[in-house]
């Protein structure tokens, strides 16, 4: 499916919005891939992002999945609008025991008001990749609230 952004400056807007998001900065997340309807966010393993067994905490993996899905939707929204998650469900598939993870947000169904996305999180170690989680996200376009 070919997805067309409604804002010719979508990439600048996404990068600026991400840079203003304190929680992603707190986690140490970074944008790894940007395309219309597709955003990847990476996160390096640090002790403060783990649970008691040393795996990435589900809160960290779900947070980068939510942001990847949200920014994937934002790439298609018109200028002068913002984004807000209205619902999500995440299935945890495997322990996140890699040295870094990547959340790959993709638009499934773009809409004027609501957009549906998926986000898959993968653990990455050298040439090894494991599927950590998959989620379905519904995001709302906020008129008059520049992101």
C-alpha atoms as a PDB file:
ATOM      1  CA  UNK A   1       0.000   0.000   0.000  1.00  0.00           C
ATOM      2  CA  UNK A   2       1.444   3.360  -1.050  1.00  0.00           C
ATOM      3  CA  UNK A   3       0.935   5.914   1.720  1.00  0.00           C
ATOM      4  CA  UNK A   4       1.004   9.619   0.889  1.00  0.00           C
ATOM      5  CA  UNK A   5       1.829  12.182   3.584  1.00  0.00           C
ATOM      6  CA  UNK A   6      -0.539  15.172   3.762  1.00  0.00           C
ATOM      7  CA  UNK A   7       2.298  17.400   5.009  1.00  0.00           C
ATOM      8  CA  UNK A   8       5.303  17.882   2.688  1.00  0.00           C
ATOM      9  CA  UNK A   9       7.416  18.627   5.803  1.00  0.00           C
ATOM     10  CA  UNK A  10       6.368  15.439   7.611  1.00  0.00           C
ATOM     11  CA  UNK A  11       9.929  14.251   8.281  1.00  0.00           C
ATOM     12  CA  UNK A  12      11.064  17.512   9.888  1.00  0.00           C
ATOM     13  CA  UNK A  13       7.862  17.608  11.962  1.00  0.00           C
ATOM     14  CA  UNK A  14       8.346  14.024  13.206  1.00  0.00           C
ATOM     15  CA  UNK A  15      12.011  14.613  14.103  1.00  0.00           C
ATOM     16  CA  UNK A  16      11.203  17.849  15.950  1.00  0.00           C
ATOM     17  CA  UNK A  17       8.326  16.270  17.840  1.00  0.00           C
ATOM     18  CA  UNK A  18      10.423  13.268  18.850  1.00  0.00           C
ATOM     19  CA  UNK A  19      13.189  15.574  20.073  1.00  0.00           C
ATOM     20  CA  UNK A  20      10.642  17.323  22.351  1.00  0.00           C
ATOM     21  CA  UNK A  21       9.441  14.093  23.959  1.00  0.00           C
ATOM     22  CA  UNK A  22      11.063  13.874  27.410  1.00  0.00           C
ATOM     23  CA  UNK A  23      10.061  10.270  28.071  1.00  0.00           C
ATOM     24  CA  UNK A  24      11.747   8.922  24.926  1.00  0.00           C
ATOM     25  CA  UNK A  25      14.869  10.915  25.851  1.00  0.00           C
ATOM     26  CA  UNK A  26      14.696   9.507  29.399  1.00  0.00           C
ATOM     27  CA  UNK A  27      14.619   5.971  27.985  1.00  0.00           C
ATOM     28  CA  UNK A  28      17.467   6.752  25.573  1.00  0.00           C
ATOM     29  CA  UNK A  29      15.355   5.919  22.498  1.00  0.00           C
ATOM     30  CA  UNK A  30      16.328   7.132  19.037  1.00  0.00           C
ATOM     31  CA  UNK A  31      14.724   7.318  15.607  1.00  0.00           C
ATOM     32  CA  UNK A  32      16.280   4.679  13.351  1.00  0.00           C
ATOM     33  CA  UNK A  33      14.076   4.754  10.220  1.00  0.00           C
ATOM     34  CA  UNK A  34      11.535   7.237   8.846  1.00  0.00           C
ATOM     35  CA  UNK A  35       9.229   6.790   5.849  1.00  0.00           C
ATOM     36  CA  UNK A  36       5.598   7.701   5.178  1.00  0.00           C
ATOM     37  CA  UNK A  37       3.566   5.356   7.383  1.00  0.00           C
ATOM     38  CA  UNK A  38       6.660   3.683   8.882  1.00  0.00           C
ATOM     39  CA  UNK A  39       8.853   4.594  11.865  1.00  0.00           C
ATOM     40  CA  UNK A  40      11.491   2.520  13.666  1.00  0.00           C
ATOM     41  CA  UNK A  41      12.679   3.430  17.154  1.00  0.00           C
ATOM     42  CA  UNK A  42      15.749   1.808  18.739  1.00  0.00           C
ATOM     43  CA  UNK A  43      16.612   1.390  22.384  1.00  0.00           C
ATOM     44  CA  UNK A  44      19.904   0.166  23.873  1.00  0.00           C
ATOM     45  CA  UNK A  45      19.830  -2.108  26.917  1.00  0.00           C
ATOM     46  CA  UNK A  46      20.727  -0.347  30.174  1.00  0.00           C
ATOM     47  CA  UNK A  47      20.280  -1.735  33.703  1.00  0.00           C
ATOM     48  CA  UNK A  48      17.599   0.829  34.579  1.00  0.00           C
ATOM     49  CA  UNK A  49      15.412  -0.450  31.686  1.00  0.00           C
ATOM     50  CA  UNK A  50      15.362  -4.056  32.940  1.00  0.00           C
ATOM     51  CA  UNK A  51      13.174  -6.128  35.189  1.00  0.00           C
ATOM     52  CA  UNK A  52      14.413  -8.475  37.926  1.00  0.00           C
ATOM     53  CA  UNK A  53      15.774 -11.115  35.486  1.00  0.00           C
ATOM     54  CA  UNK A  54      17.782  -8.658  33.399  1.00  0.00           C
ATOM     55  CA  UNK A  55      15.391  -8.572  30.422  1.00  0.00           C
ATOM     56  CA  UNK A  56      14.060  -5.294  28.990  1.00  0.00           C
ATOM     57  CA  UNK A  57      11.035  -4.348  31.087  1.00  0.00           C
ATOM     58  CA  UNK A  58       7.705  -4.715  29.261  1.00  0.00           C
ATOM     59  CA  UNK A  59       7.005  -1.063  30.098  1.00  0.00           C
ATOM     60  CA  UNK A  60      10.047   0.013  28.093  1.00  0.00           C
ATOM     61  CA  UNK A  61       9.263  -2.241  25.125  1.00  0.00           C
ATOM     62  CA  UNK A  62       5.593  -1.206  25.102  1.00  0.00           C
ATOM     63  CA  UNK A  63       6.527   2.476  25.330  1.00  0.00           C
ATOM     64  CA  UNK A  64       8.786   2.426  22.270  1.00  0.00           C
ATOM     65  CA  UNK A  65       6.159   0.366  20.400  1.00  0.00           C
ATOM     66  CA  UNK A  66       3.503   2.986  21.221  1.00  0.00           C
ATOM     67  CA  UNK A  67       5.747   5.832  20.061  1.00  0.00           C
ATOM     68  CA  UNK A  68       6.742   4.006  16.866  1.00  0.00           C
ATOM     69  CA  UNK A  69       3.078   3.419  15.997  1.00  0.00           C
ATOM     70  CA  UNK A  70       2.159   7.007  16.898  1.00  0.00           C
ATOM     71  CA  UNK A  71       4.900   8.562  14.819  1.00  0.00           C
ATOM     72  CA  UNK A  72       4.092   6.238  11.900  1.00  0.00           C
ATOM     73  CA  UNK A  73       0.553   7.652  11.963  1.00  0.00           C
ATOM     74  CA  UNK A  74       1.812  11.226  12.372  1.00  0.00           C
ATOM     75  CA  UNK A  75       3.812  10.943   9.130  1.00  0.00           C
ATOM     76  CA  UNK A  76       0.473  10.891   7.284  1.00  0.00           C
ATOM     77  CA  UNK A  77      -1.365  13.613   9.220  1.00  0.00           C
ATOM     78  CA  UNK A  78      -1.724  17.165   7.881  1.00  0.00           C
ATOM     79  CA  UNK A  79       0.345  20.082   9.171  1.00  0.00           C
ATOM     80  CA  UNK A  80      -1.083  21.738  12.275  1.00  0.00           C
ATOM     81  CA  UNK A  81      -2.276  18.468  13.812  1.00  0.00           C
ATOM     82  CA  UNK A  82      -1.047  16.312  16.642  1.00  0.00           C
ATOM     83  CA  UNK A  83      -1.350  12.674  17.642  1.00  0.00           C
ATOM     84  CA  UNK A  84      -2.746  10.846  20.637  1.00  0.00           C
ATOM     85  CA  UNK A  85      -3.002   7.113  21.297  1.00  0.00           C
ATOM     86  CA  UNK A  86      -6.585   6.130  22.104  1.00  0.00           C
ATOM     87  CA  UNK A  87      -6.143   2.383  22.518  1.00  0.00           C
ATOM     88  CA  UNK A  88      -3.519  -0.327  22.308  1.00  0.00           C
ATOM     89  CA  UNK A  89      -2.999  -4.006  22.956  1.00  0.00           C
ATOM     90  CA  UNK A  90       0.440  -5.593  23.158  1.00  0.00           C
ATOM     91  CA  UNK A  91       1.212  -9.315  23.111  1.00  0.00           C
ATOM     92  CA  UNK A  92       4.552 -10.214  24.697  1.00  0.00           C
ATOM     93  CA  UNK A  93       5.987 -13.073  22.650  1.00  0.00           C
ATOM     94  CA  UNK A  94       9.506 -13.671  23.984  1.00  0.00           C
ATOM     95  CA  UNK A  95      11.758 -12.325  26.750  1.00  0.00           C
ATOM     96  CA  UNK A  96      13.565  -9.185  25.589  1.00  0.00           C
ATOM     97  CA  UNK A  97      17.093 -10.313  26.372  1.00  0.00           C
ATOM     98  CA  UNK A  98      18.980  -8.656  23.499  1.00  0.00           C
ATOM     99  CA  UNK A  99      21.515  -5.838  23.742  1.00  0.00           C
ATOM    100  CA  UNK A 100      19.094  -3.532  21.901  1.00  0.00           C
ATOM    101  CA  UNK A 101      15.549  -3.539  20.622  1.00  0.00           C
ATOM    102  CA  UNK A 102      13.847  -1.919  17.664  1.00  0.00           C
ATOM    103  CA  UNK A 103      10.147  -1.073  17.522  1.00  0.00           C
ATOM    104  CA  UNK A 104       8.820  -1.001  13.954  1.00  0.00           C
ATOM    105  CA  UNK A 105       5.600   1.006  13.716  1.00  0.00           C
ATOM    106  CA  UNK A 106       3.556   0.634  10.525  1.00  0.00           C
ATOM    107  CA  UNK A 107       0.256   2.158   9.450  1.00  0.00           C
ATOM    108  CA  UNK A 108      -2.340  -0.506   8.653  1.00  0.00           C
ATOM    109  CA  UNK A 109      -5.362   1.729   7.984  1.00  0.00           C
ATOM    110  CA  UNK A 110      -4.925   5.488   7.654  1.00  0.00           C
ATOM    111  CA  UNK A 111      -7.899   7.661   8.472  1.00  0.00           C
ATOM    112  CA  UNK A 112      -8.914  11.302   8.731  1.00  0.00           C
ATOM    113  CA  UNK A 113      -9.591  11.055  12.481  1.00  0.00           C
ATOM    114  CA  UNK A 114      -8.497   7.564  13.572  1.00  0.00           C
ATOM    115  CA  UNK A 115      -5.546   5.598  12.211  1.00  0.00           C
ATOM    116  CA  UNK A 116      -4.773   1.972  13.022  1.00  0.00           C
ATOM    117  CA  UNK A 117      -1.145   0.855  13.276  1.00  0.00           C
ATOM    118  CA  UNK A 118       0.834  -2.165  14.322  1.00  0.00           C
ATOM    119  CA  UNK A 119       4.164  -2.180  16.052  1.00  0.00           C
ATOM    120  CA  UNK A 120       6.473  -5.148  16.281  1.00  0.00           C
ATOM    121  CA  UNK A 121       9.421  -5.099  18.665  1.00  0.00           C
ATOM    122  CA  UNK A 122      12.507  -7.145  17.865  1.00  0.00           C
ATOM    123  CA  UNK A 123      15.544  -7.920  19.978  1.00  0.00           C
ATOM    124  CA  UNK A 124      18.772  -7.402  18.044  1.00  0.00           C
ATOM    125  CA  UNK A 125      22.143  -9.015  18.812  1.00  0.00           C
ATOM    126  CA  UNK A 126      24.777  -9.091  16.050  1.00  0.00           C
ATOM    127  CA  UNK A 127      23.094 -11.167  13.310  1.00  0.00           C
ATOM    128  CA  UNK A 128      20.380 -12.541  15.611  1.00  0.00           C
ATOM    129  CA  UNK A 129      16.847 -11.129  15.697  1.00  0.00           C
ATOM    130  CA  UNK A 130      14.043 -12.298  18.004  1.00  0.00           C
ATOM    131  CA  UNK A 131      10.415 -11.191  17.906  1.00  0.00           C
ATOM    132  CA  UNK A 132       9.721  -9.707  21.351  1.00  0.00           C
ATOM    133  CA  UNK A 133       6.196  -8.334  21.018  1.00  0.00           C
ATOM    134  CA  UNK A 134       3.485  -7.312  18.613  1.00  0.00           C
ATOM    135  CA  UNK A 135       0.817  -4.709  19.191  1.00  0.00           C
ATOM    136  CA  UNK A 136      -2.194  -3.050  17.623  1.00  0.00           C
ATOM    137  CA  UNK A 137      -2.658   0.692  18.162  1.00  0.00           C
ATOM    138  CA  UNK A 138      -5.450   3.173  17.430  1.00  0.00           C
ATOM    139  CA  UNK A 139      -4.331   6.793  17.150  1.00  0.00           C
ATOM    140  CA  UNK A 140      -6.337  10.012  16.915  1.00  0.00           C
ATOM    141  CA  UNK A 141      -5.512  13.025  14.780  1.00  0.00           C
ATOM    142  CA  UNK A 142      -5.821  16.158  16.940  1.00  0.00           C
ATOM    143  CA  UNK A 143      -6.828  19.234  14.941  1.00  0.00           C
ATOM    144  CA  UNK A 144      -5.175  22.484  15.982  1.00  0.00           C
ATOM    145  CA  UNK A 145      -2.618  20.800  18.237  1.00  0.00           C
ATOM    146  CA  UNK A 146       0.723  20.954  16.459  1.00  0.00           C
ATOM    147  CA  UNK A 147       2.886  18.009  17.490  1.00  0.00           C
END
